[in-house]
Each structure stands twice: as C-alpha cells, then as structure tokens.
Amino acid sequence: MSDFLFGTVEYFTNDFQACIMNNLTIENPSVIKAHYSKLKDEVIRRSDSPADQEKLLQNLDKAYQRLKINLFGAEDEEHGS
C-alpha cells in the first residue's frame, strides 16, 4: 500500500479488506484482531508526535469499527452494544 495515504481511515479500511481477501488464498490465514494489533504497532512506530499518534489510532479504530459493521452488522460485539 502507498505510504502517501498511511494513517487515513481509507488506508486502514483497504488494508483490512486486503487482509481478508488474502486470507481466502493462503494456507494459514491471520486473525483480523491480530492484523489490527500489527497495524496499531506500526502506527506507534511511525508516529511523529503524540498528537499524530492519537489521530492515526482514531482512524485505525474507525476503520476497524467500519469493518466489523460490514462483516457482522454490529458496532461493538465485544462489549455487547
């Protein structure tokens, strides 16, 4: 993926979708939650400032919530809301 868009909601959404599509063709698919953790670690590593990190993590969370809604039809299955 292009680093130009890194950190946008669209970037993270596309990355999650690519992960799902790749999981269809590989022998040992990764869990979406593990992919989320990998992206979170990358955000922490690449952030220039605490404010930048906070914004990128918010974008990651928005993309993850969007993915869960698209896949499962629920905003937050883990917390029952």
PDB file of N, CA and C in Angstrom:
ATOM      1  N   MET A   1       0.841  -1.180   0.000  1.00  0.00           N
ATOM      2  CA  MET A   1       0.000   0.000   0.000  1.00  0.00           C
ATOM      3  C   MET A   1       0.887   1.244   0.000  1.00  0.00           C
ATOM      4  N   SER A   2       0.340   2.270  -0.531  1.00  0.00           N
ATOM      5  CA  SER A   2       1.073   3.525  -0.642  1.00  0.00           C
ATOM      6  C   SER A   2       1.250   4.182   0.724  1.00  0.00           C
ATOM      7  N   ASP A   3       2.462   4.638   0.989  1.00  0.00           N
ATOM      8  CA  ASP A   3       2.710   5.366   2.234  1.00  0.00           C
ATOM      9  C   ASP A   3       2.083   6.750   2.206  1.00  0.00           C
ATOM     10  N   PHE A   4       1.736   7.231   1.015  1.00  0.00           N
ATOM     11  CA  PHE A   4       1.134   8.555   0.875  1.00  0.00           C
ATOM     12  C   PHE A   4      -0.152   8.664   1.685  1.00  0.00           C
ATOM     13  N   LEU A   5      -0.927   7.613   1.732  1.00  0.00           N
ATOM     14  CA  LEU A   5      -2.202   7.621   2.439  1.00  0.00           C
ATOM     15  C   LEU A   5      -2.111   7.022   3.840  1.00  0.00           C
ATOM     16  N   PHE A   6      -0.925   6.606   4.247  1.00  0.00           N
ATOM     17  CA  PHE A   6      -0.815   5.916   5.531  1.00  0.00           C
ATOM     18  C   PHE A   6      -1.468   6.722   6.642  1.00  0.00           C
ATOM     19  N   GLY A   7      -2.302   6.032   7.396  1.00  0.00           N
ATOM     20  CA  GLY A   7      -2.917   6.653   8.559  1.00  0.00           C
ATOM     21  C   GLY A   7      -4.329   7.144   8.341  1.00  0.00           C
ATOM     22  N   THR A   8      -4.782   7.176   7.084  1.00  0.00           N
ATOM     23  CA  THR A   8      -6.159   7.606   6.833  1.00  0.00           C
ATOM     24  C   THR A   8      -7.115   6.448   7.102  1.00  0.00           C
ATOM     25  N   VAL A   9      -8.365   6.772   7.337  1.00  0.00           N
ATOM     26  CA  VAL A   9      -9.377   5.729   7.540  1.00  0.00           C
ATOM     27  C   VAL A   9      -9.444   4.854   6.291  1.00  0.00           C
ATOM     28  N   GLU A  10      -9.372   5.480   5.128  1.00  0.00           N
ATOM     29  CA  GLU A  10      -9.422   4.735   3.867  1.00  0.00           C
ATOM     30  C   GLU A  10      -8.251   3.757   3.756  1.00  0.00           C
ATOM     31  N   TYR A  11      -7.059   4.195   4.131  1.00  0.00           N
ATOM     32  CA  TYR A  11      -5.880   3.327   4.089  1.00  0.00           C
ATOM     33  C   TYR A  11      -6.100   2.090   4.955  1.00  0.00           C
ATOM     34  N   PHE A  12      -6.519   2.305   6.203  1.00  0.00           N
ATOM     35  CA  PHE A  12      -6.712   1.177   7.109  1.00  0.00           C
ATOM     36  C   PHE A  12      -7.854   0.275   6.643  1.00  0.00           C
ATOM     37  N   THR A  13      -8.936   0.859   6.127  1.00  0.00           N
ATOM     38  CA  THR A  13     -10.052   0.068   5.613  1.00  0.00           C
ATOM     39  C   THR A  13      -9.581  -0.822   4.468  1.00  0.00           C
ATOM     40  N   ASN A  14      -8.842  -0.246   3.534  1.00  0.00           N
ATOM     41  CA  ASN A  14      -8.317  -1.023   2.407  1.00  0.00           C
ATOM     42  C   ASN A  14      -7.358  -2.104   2.873  1.00  0.00           C
ATOM     43  N   ASP A  15      -6.559  -1.803   3.871  1.00  0.00           N
ATOM     44  CA  ASP A  15      -5.609  -2.780   4.398  1.00  0.00           C
ATOM     45  C   ASP A  15      -6.345  -3.963   5.032  1.00  0.00           C
ATOM     46  N   PHE A  16      -7.393  -3.684   5.812  1.00  0.00           N
ATOM     47  CA  PHE A  16      -8.195  -4.765   6.395  1.00  0.00           C
ATOM     48  C   PHE A  16      -8.852  -5.603   5.300  1.00  0.00           C
ATOM     49  N   GLN A  17      -9.386  -4.949   4.273  1.00  0.00           N
ATOM     50  CA  GLN A  17     -10.032  -5.675   3.183  1.00  0.00           C
ATOM     51  C   GLN A  17      -9.031  -6.549   2.437  1.00  0.00           C
ATOM     52  N   ALA A  18      -7.829  -6.044   2.220  1.00  0.00           N
ATOM     53  CA  ALA A  18      -6.786  -6.835   1.570  1.00  0.00           C
ATOM     54  C   ALA A  18      -6.424  -8.045   2.424  1.00  0.00           C
ATOM     55  N   CYS A  19      -6.363  -7.856   3.730  1.00  0.00           N
ATOM     56  CA  CYS A  19      -6.072  -8.964   4.647  1.00  0.00           C
ATOM     57  C   CYS A  19      -7.137 -10.050   4.522  1.00  0.00           C
ATOM     58  N   ILE A  20      -8.399  -9.642   4.496  1.00  0.00           N
ATOM     59  CA  ILE A  20      -9.496 -10.609   4.373  1.00  0.00           C
ATOM     60  C   ILE A  20      -9.397 -11.360   3.050  1.00  0.00           C
ATOM     61  N   MET A  21      -9.169 -10.643   1.968  1.00  0.00           N
ATOM     62  CA  MET A  21      -9.074 -11.285   0.654  1.00  0.00           C
ATOM     63  C   MET A  21      -7.872 -12.220   0.589  1.00  0.00           C
ATOM     64  N   ASN A  22      -6.751 -11.822   1.154  1.00  0.00           N
ATOM     65  CA  ASN A  22      -5.569 -12.683   1.168  1.00  0.00           C
ATOM     66  C   ASN A  22      -5.811 -13.936   1.996  1.00  0.00           C
ATOM     67  N   ASN A  23      -6.600 -13.810   3.050  1.00  0.00           N
ATOM     68  CA  ASN A  23      -6.893 -14.964   3.895  1.00  0.00           C
ATOM     69  C   ASN A  23      -7.631 -16.059   3.130  1.00  0.00           C
ATOM     70  N   LEU A  24      -8.312 -15.692   2.058  1.00  0.00           N
ATOM     71  CA  LEU A  24      -9.045 -16.680   1.265  1.00  0.00           C
ATOM     72  C   LEU A  24      -8.118 -17.579   0.468  1.00  0.00           C
ATOM     73  N   THR A  25      -6.890 -17.129   0.239  1.00  0.00           N
ATOM     74  CA  THR A  25      -5.994 -17.872  -0.651  1.00  0.00           C
ATOM     75  C   THR A  25      -4.734 -18.411   0.021  1.00  0.00           C
ATOM     76  N   ILE A  26      -4.542 -18.129   1.299  1.00  0.00           N
ATOM     77  CA  ILE A  26      -3.323 -18.614   1.953  1.00  0.00           C
ATOM     78  C   ILE A  26      -3.645 -19.765   2.899  1.00  0.00           C
ATOM     79  N   GLU A  27      -2.634 -20.566   3.158  1.00  0.00           N
ATOM     80  CA  GLU A  27      -2.816 -21.763   3.975  1.00  0.00           C
ATOM     81  C   GLU A  27      -3.071 -21.443   5.442  1.00  0.00           C
ATOM     82  N   ASN A  28      -2.370 -20.468   5.990  1.00  0.00           N
ATOM     83  CA  ASN A  28      -2.526 -20.093   7.395  1.00  0.00           C
ATOM     84  C   ASN A  28      -3.008 -18.652   7.495  1.00  0.00           C
ATOM     85  N   PRO A  29      -4.328 -18.440   7.409  1.00  0.00           N
ATOM     86  CA  PRO A  29      -4.840 -17.070   7.444  1.00  0.00           C
ATOM     87  C   PRO A  29      -4.613 -16.404   8.799  1.00  0.00           C
ATOM     88  N   SER A  30      -4.529 -15.081   8.781  1.00  0.00           N
ATOM     89  CA  SER A  30      -4.351 -14.351  10.032  1.00  0.00           C
ATOM     90  C   SER A  30      -5.703 -13.897  10.564  1.00  0.00           C
ATOM     91  N   VAL A  31      -5.780 -13.738  11.853  1.00  0.00           N
ATOM     92  CA  VAL A  31      -6.990 -13.269  12.512  1.00  0.00           C
ATOM     93  C   VAL A  31      -7.038 -11.748  12.366  1.00  0.00           C
ATOM     94  N   ILE A  32      -8.236 -11.215  12.116  1.00  0.00           N
ATOM     95  CA  ILE A  32      -8.387  -9.773  11.915  1.00  0.00           C
ATOM     96  C   ILE A  32      -7.894  -8.994  13.138  1.00  0.00           C
ATOM     97  N   LYS A  33      -8.171  -9.501  14.331  1.00  0.00           N
ATOM     98  CA  LYS A  33      -7.724  -8.816  15.556  1.00  0.00           C
ATOM     99  C   LYS A  33      -6.193  -8.762  15.606  1.00  0.00           C
ATOM    100  N   ALA A  34      -5.534  -9.822  15.142  1.00  0.00           N
ATOM    101  CA  ALA A  34      -4.069  -9.822  15.095  1.00  0.00           C
ATOM    102  C   ALA A  34      -3.568  -8.808  14.071  1.00  0.00           C
ATOM    103  N   HIS A  35      -4.280  -8.681  12.968  1.00  0.00           N
ATOM    104  CA  HIS A  35      -3.904  -7.694  11.956  1.00  0.00           C
ATOM    105  C   HIS A  35      -4.085  -6.277  12.513  1.00  0.00           C
ATOM    106  N   TYR A  36      -5.157  -6.074  13.272  1.00  0.00           N
ATOM    107  CA  TYR A  36      -5.384  -4.786  13.942  1.00  0.00           C
ATOM    108  C   TYR A  36      -4.194  -4.460  14.854  1.00  0.00           C
ATOM    109  N   SER A  37      -3.751  -5.431  15.627  1.00  0.00           N
ATOM    110  CA  SER A  37      -2.614  -5.218  16.541  1.00  0.00           C
ATOM    111  C   SER A  37      -1.342  -4.881  15.771  1.00  0.00           C
ATOM    112  N   LYS A  38      -1.142  -5.549  14.639  1.00  0.00           N
ATOM    113  CA  LYS A  38       0.026  -5.266  13.808  1.00  0.00           C
ATOM    114  C   LYS A  38      -0.019  -3.828  13.285  1.00  0.00           C
ATOM    115  N   LEU A  39      -1.192  -3.403  12.819  1.00  0.00           N
ATOM    116  CA  LEU A  39      -1.332  -2.028  12.335  1.00  0.00           C
ATOM    117  C   LEU A  39      -1.145  -1.020  13.465  1.00  0.00           C
ATOM    118  N   LYS A  40      -1.663  -1.337  14.645  1.00  0.00           N
ATOM    119  CA  LYS A  40      -1.507  -0.446  15.796  1.00  0.00           C
ATOM    120  C   LYS A  40      -0.031  -0.279  16.148  1.00  0.00           C
ATOM    121  N   ASP A  41       0.715  -1.376  16.146  1.00  0.00           N
ATOM    122  CA  ASP A  41       2.153  -1.307  16.413  1.00  0.00           C
ATOM    123  C   ASP A  41       2.864  -0.455  15.363  1.00  0.00           C
ATOM    124  N   GLU A  42       2.442  -0.588  14.102  1.00  0.00           N
ATOM    125  CA  GLU A  42       3.047   0.203  13.035  1.00  0.00           C
ATOM    126  C   GLU A  42       2.763   1.693  13.224  1.00  0.00           C
ATOM    127  N   VAL A  43       1.539   2.025  13.632  1.00  0.00           N
ATOM    128  CA  VAL A  43       1.185   3.427  13.894  1.00  0.00           C
ATOM    129  C   VAL A  43       2.070   3.984  15.004  1.00  0.00           C
ATOM    130  N   ILE A  44       2.213   3.240  16.076  1.00  0.00           N
ATOM    131  CA  ILE A  44       3.027   3.691  17.207  1.00  0.00           C
ATOM    132  C   ILE A  44       4.475   3.905  16.772  1.00  0.00           C
ATOM    133  N   ARG A  45       4.973   2.993  15.961  1.00  0.00           N
ATOM    134  CA  ARG A  45       6.357   3.077  15.492  1.00  0.00           C
ATOM    135  C   ARG A  45       6.573   4.260  14.546  1.00  0.00           C
ATOM    136  N   ARG A  46       5.596   4.556  13.709  1.00  0.00           N
ATOM    137  CA  ARG A  46       5.779   5.566  12.663  1.00  0.00           C
ATOM    138  C   ARG A  46       5.305   6.967  13.042  1.00  0.00           C
ATOM    139  N   SER A  47       4.650   7.119  14.169  1.00  0.00           N
ATOM    140  CA  SER A  47       4.101   8.428  14.555  1.00  0.00           C
ATOM    141  C   SER A  47       5.208   9.411  14.901  1.00  0.00           C
ATOM    142  N   ASP A  48       5.017  10.646  14.440  1.00  0.00           N
ATOM    143  CA  ASP A  48       5.997  11.704  14.692  1.00  0.00           C
ATOM    144  C   ASP A  48       5.794  12.388  16.036  1.00  0.00           C
ATOM    145  N   SER A  49       4.558  12.384  16.525  1.00  0.00           N
ATOM    146  CA  SER A  49       4.252  13.075  17.778  1.00  0.00           C
ATOM    147  C   SER A  49       3.080  12.375  18.456  1.00  0.00           C
ATOM    148  N   PRO A  50       2.879  12.627  19.747  1.00  0.00           N
ATOM    149  CA  PRO A  50       1.723  12.036  20.437  1.00  0.00           C
ATOM    150  C   PRO A  50       0.390  12.435  19.799  1.00  0.00           C
ATOM    151  N   ALA A  51       0.281  13.674  19.331  1.00  0.00           N
ATOM    152  CA  ALA A  51      -0.966  14.122  18.694  1.00  0.00           C
ATOM    153  C   ALA A  51      -1.198  13.380  17.381  1.00  0.00           C
ATOM    154  N   ASP A  52      -0.128  13.201  16.615  1.00  0.00           N
ATOM    155  CA  ASP A  52      -0.203  12.459  15.360  1.00  0.00           C
ATOM    156  C   ASP A  52      -0.601  11.008  15.641  1.00  0.00           C
ATOM    157  N   GLN A  53       0.017  10.419  16.647  1.00  0.00           N
ATOM    158  CA  GLN A  53      -0.287   9.038  17.017  1.00  0.00           C
ATOM    159  C   GLN A  53      -1.755   8.886  17.411  1.00  0.00           C
ATOM    160  N   GLU A  54      -2.259   9.814  18.203  1.00  0.00           N
ATOM    161  CA  GLU A  54      -3.652   9.753  18.644  1.00  0.00           C
ATOM    162  C   GLU A  54      -4.609   9.804  17.454  1.00  0.00           C
ATOM    163  N   LYS A  55      -4.340  10.697  16.502  1.00  0.00           N
ATOM    164  CA  LYS A  55      -5.190  10.832  15.313  1.00  0.00           C
ATOM    165  C   LYS A  55      -5.156   9.556  14.473  1.00  0.00           C
ATOM    166  N   LEU A  56      -3.964   9.004  14.275  1.00  0.00           N
ATOM    167  CA  LEU A  56      -3.833   7.784  13.477  1.00  0.00           C
ATOM    168  C   LEU A  56      -4.522   6.603  14.156  1.00  0.00           C
ATOM    169  N   LEU A  57      -4.405   6.513  15.478  1.00  0.00           N
ATOM    170  CA  LEU A  57      -5.076   5.429  16.200  1.00  0.00           C
ATOM    171  C   LEU A  57      -6.597   5.583  16.136  1.00  0.00           C
ATOM    172  N   GLN A  58      -7.085   6.824  16.154  1.00  0.00           N
ATOM    173  CA  GLN A  58      -8.525   7.053  15.986  1.00  0.00           C
ATOM    174  C   GLN A  58      -8.976   6.598  14.600  1.00  0.00           C
ATOM    175  N   ASN A  59      -8.175   6.891  13.584  1.00  0.00           N
ATOM    176  CA  ASN A  59      -8.501   6.459  12.229  1.00  0.00           C
ATOM    177  C   ASN A  59      -8.500   4.936  12.120  1.00  0.00           C
ATOM    178  N   LEU A  60      -7.535   4.305  12.766  1.00  0.00           N
ATOM    179  CA  LEU A  60      -7.479   2.844  12.778  1.00  0.00           C
ATOM    180  C   LEU A  60      -8.726   2.272  13.437  1.00  0.00           C
ATOM    181  N   ASP A  61      -9.121   2.832  14.563  1.00  0.00           N
ATOM    182  CA  ASP A  61     -10.321   2.361  15.258  1.00  0.00           C
ATOM    183  C   ASP A  61     -11.577   2.559  14.410  1.00  0.00           C
ATOM    184  N   LYS A  62     -11.674   3.689  13.709  1.00  0.00           N
ATOM    185  CA  LYS A  62     -12.824   3.936  12.830  1.00  0.00           C
ATOM    186  C   LYS A  62     -12.891   2.888  11.724  1.00  0.00           C
ATOM    187  N   ALA A  63     -11.752   2.595  11.129  1.00  0.00           N
ATOM    188  CA  ALA A  63     -11.711   1.594  10.057  1.00  0.00           C
ATOM    189  C   ALA A  63     -12.072   0.212  10.595  1.00  0.00           C
ATOM    190  N   TYR A  64     -11.584  -0.119  11.787  1.00  0.00           N
ATOM    191  CA  TYR A  64     -11.877  -1.422  12.397  1.00  0.00           C
ATOM    192  C   TYR A  64     -13.364  -1.541  12.718  1.00  0.00           C
ATOM    193  N   GLN A  65     -13.959  -0.486  13.257  1.00  0.00           N
ATOM    194  CA  GLN A  65     -15.398  -0.492  13.543  1.00  0.00           C
ATOM    195  C   GLN A  65     -16.199  -0.619  12.254  1.00  0.00           C
ATOM    196  N   ARG A  66     -15.781   0.093  11.224  1.00  0.00           N
ATOM    197  CA  ARG A  66     -16.446   0.023   9.920  1.00  0.00           C
ATOM    198  C   ARG A  66     -16.402  -1.408   9.382  1.00  0.00           C
ATOM    199  N   LEU A  67     -15.249  -2.046   9.511  1.00  0.00           N
ATOM    200  CA  LEU A  67     -15.092  -3.426   9.060  1.00  0.00           C
ATOM    201  C   LEU A  67     -16.035  -4.357   9.814  1.00  0.00           C
ATOM    202  N   LYS A  68     -16.089  -4.208  11.138  1.00  0.00           N
ATOM    203  CA  LYS A  68     -16.967  -5.065  11.942  1.00  0.00           C
ATOM    204  C   LYS A  68     -18.427  -4.868  11.566  1.00  0.00           C
ATOM    205  N   ILE A  69     -18.817  -3.633  11.298  1.00  0.00           N
ATOM    206  CA  ILE A  69     -20.199  -3.365  10.896  1.00  0.00           C
ATOM    207  C   ILE A  69     -20.483  -4.030   9.551  1.00  0.00           C
ATOM    208  N   ASN A  70     -19.546  -3.912   8.614  1.00  0.00           N
ATOM    209  CA  ASN A  70     -19.739  -4.515   7.297  1.00  0.00           C
ATOM    210  C   ASN A  70     -19.772  -6.036   7.353  1.00  0.00           C
ATOM    211  N   LEU A  71     -18.961  -6.624   8.210  1.00  0.00           N
ATOM    212  CA  LEU A  71     -18.896  -8.085   8.292  1.00  0.00           C
ATOM    213  C   LEU A  71     -19.973  -8.688   9.175  1.00  0.00           C
ATOM    214  N   PHE A  72     -20.220  -8.067  10.312  1.00  0.00           N
ATOM    215  CA  PHE A  72     -21.080  -8.677  11.317  1.00  0.00           C
ATOM    216  C   PHE A  72     -22.372  -7.921  11.576  1.00  0.00           C
ATOM    217  N   GLY A  73     -22.474  -6.705  11.079  1.00  0.00           N
ATOM    218  CA  GLY A  73     -23.678  -5.913  11.276  1.00  0.00           C
ATOM    219  C   GLY A  73     -23.837  -5.365  12.680  1.00  0.00           C
ATOM    220  N   ALA A  74     -22.743  -5.256  13.423  1.00  0.00           N
ATOM    221  CA  ALA A  74     -22.807  -4.749  14.799  1.00  0.00           C
ATOM    222  C   ALA A  74     -21.671  -3.766  15.016  1.00  0.00           C
ATOM    223  N   GLU A  75     -21.944  -2.739  15.811  1.00  0.00           N
ATOM    224  CA  GLU A  75     -20.912  -1.740  16.080  1.00  0.00           C
ATOM    225  C   GLU A  75     -19.845  -2.238  17.030  1.00  0.00           C
ATOM    226  N   ASP A  76     -20.246  -2.966  18.064  1.00  0.00           N
ATOM    227  CA  ASP A  76     -19.267  -3.381  19.061  1.00  0.00           C
ATOM    228  C   ASP A  76     -19.701  -4.695  19.684  1.00  0.00           C
ATOM    229  N   GLU A  77     -19.393  -5.790  19.021  1.00  0.00           N
ATOM    230  CA  GLU A  77     -19.785  -7.098  19.530  1.00  0.00           C
ATOM    231  C   GLU A  77     -19.075  -7.454  20.831  1.00  0.00           C
ATOM    232  N   GLU A  78     -17.838  -6.981  21.001  1.00  0.00           N
ATOM    233  CA  GLU A  78     -17.064  -7.340  22.184  1.00  0.00           C
ATOM    234  C   GLU A  78     -17.674  -6.790  23.462  1.00  0.00           C
ATOM    235  N   HIS A  79     -18.348  -5.648  23.369  1.00  0.00           N
ATOM    236  CA  HIS A  79     -18.896  -5.014  24.558  1.00  0.00           C
ATOM    237  C   HIS A  79     -20.417  -5.078  24.599  1.00  0.00           C
ATOM    238  N   GLY A  80     -21.013  -5.797  23.651  1.00  0.00           N
ATOM    239  CA  GLY A  80     -22.449  -6.020  23.679  1.00  0.00           C
ATOM    240  C   GLY A  80     -23.308  -4.830  23.347  1.00  0.00           C
ATOM    241  N   SER A  81     -22.754  -3.811  22.681  1.00  0.00           N
ATOM    242  CA  SER A  81     -23.607  -2.675  22.330  1.00  0.00           C
ATOM    243  C   SER A  81     -23.853  -2.624  20.843  1.00  0.00           C
TER     244      SER A  81
END
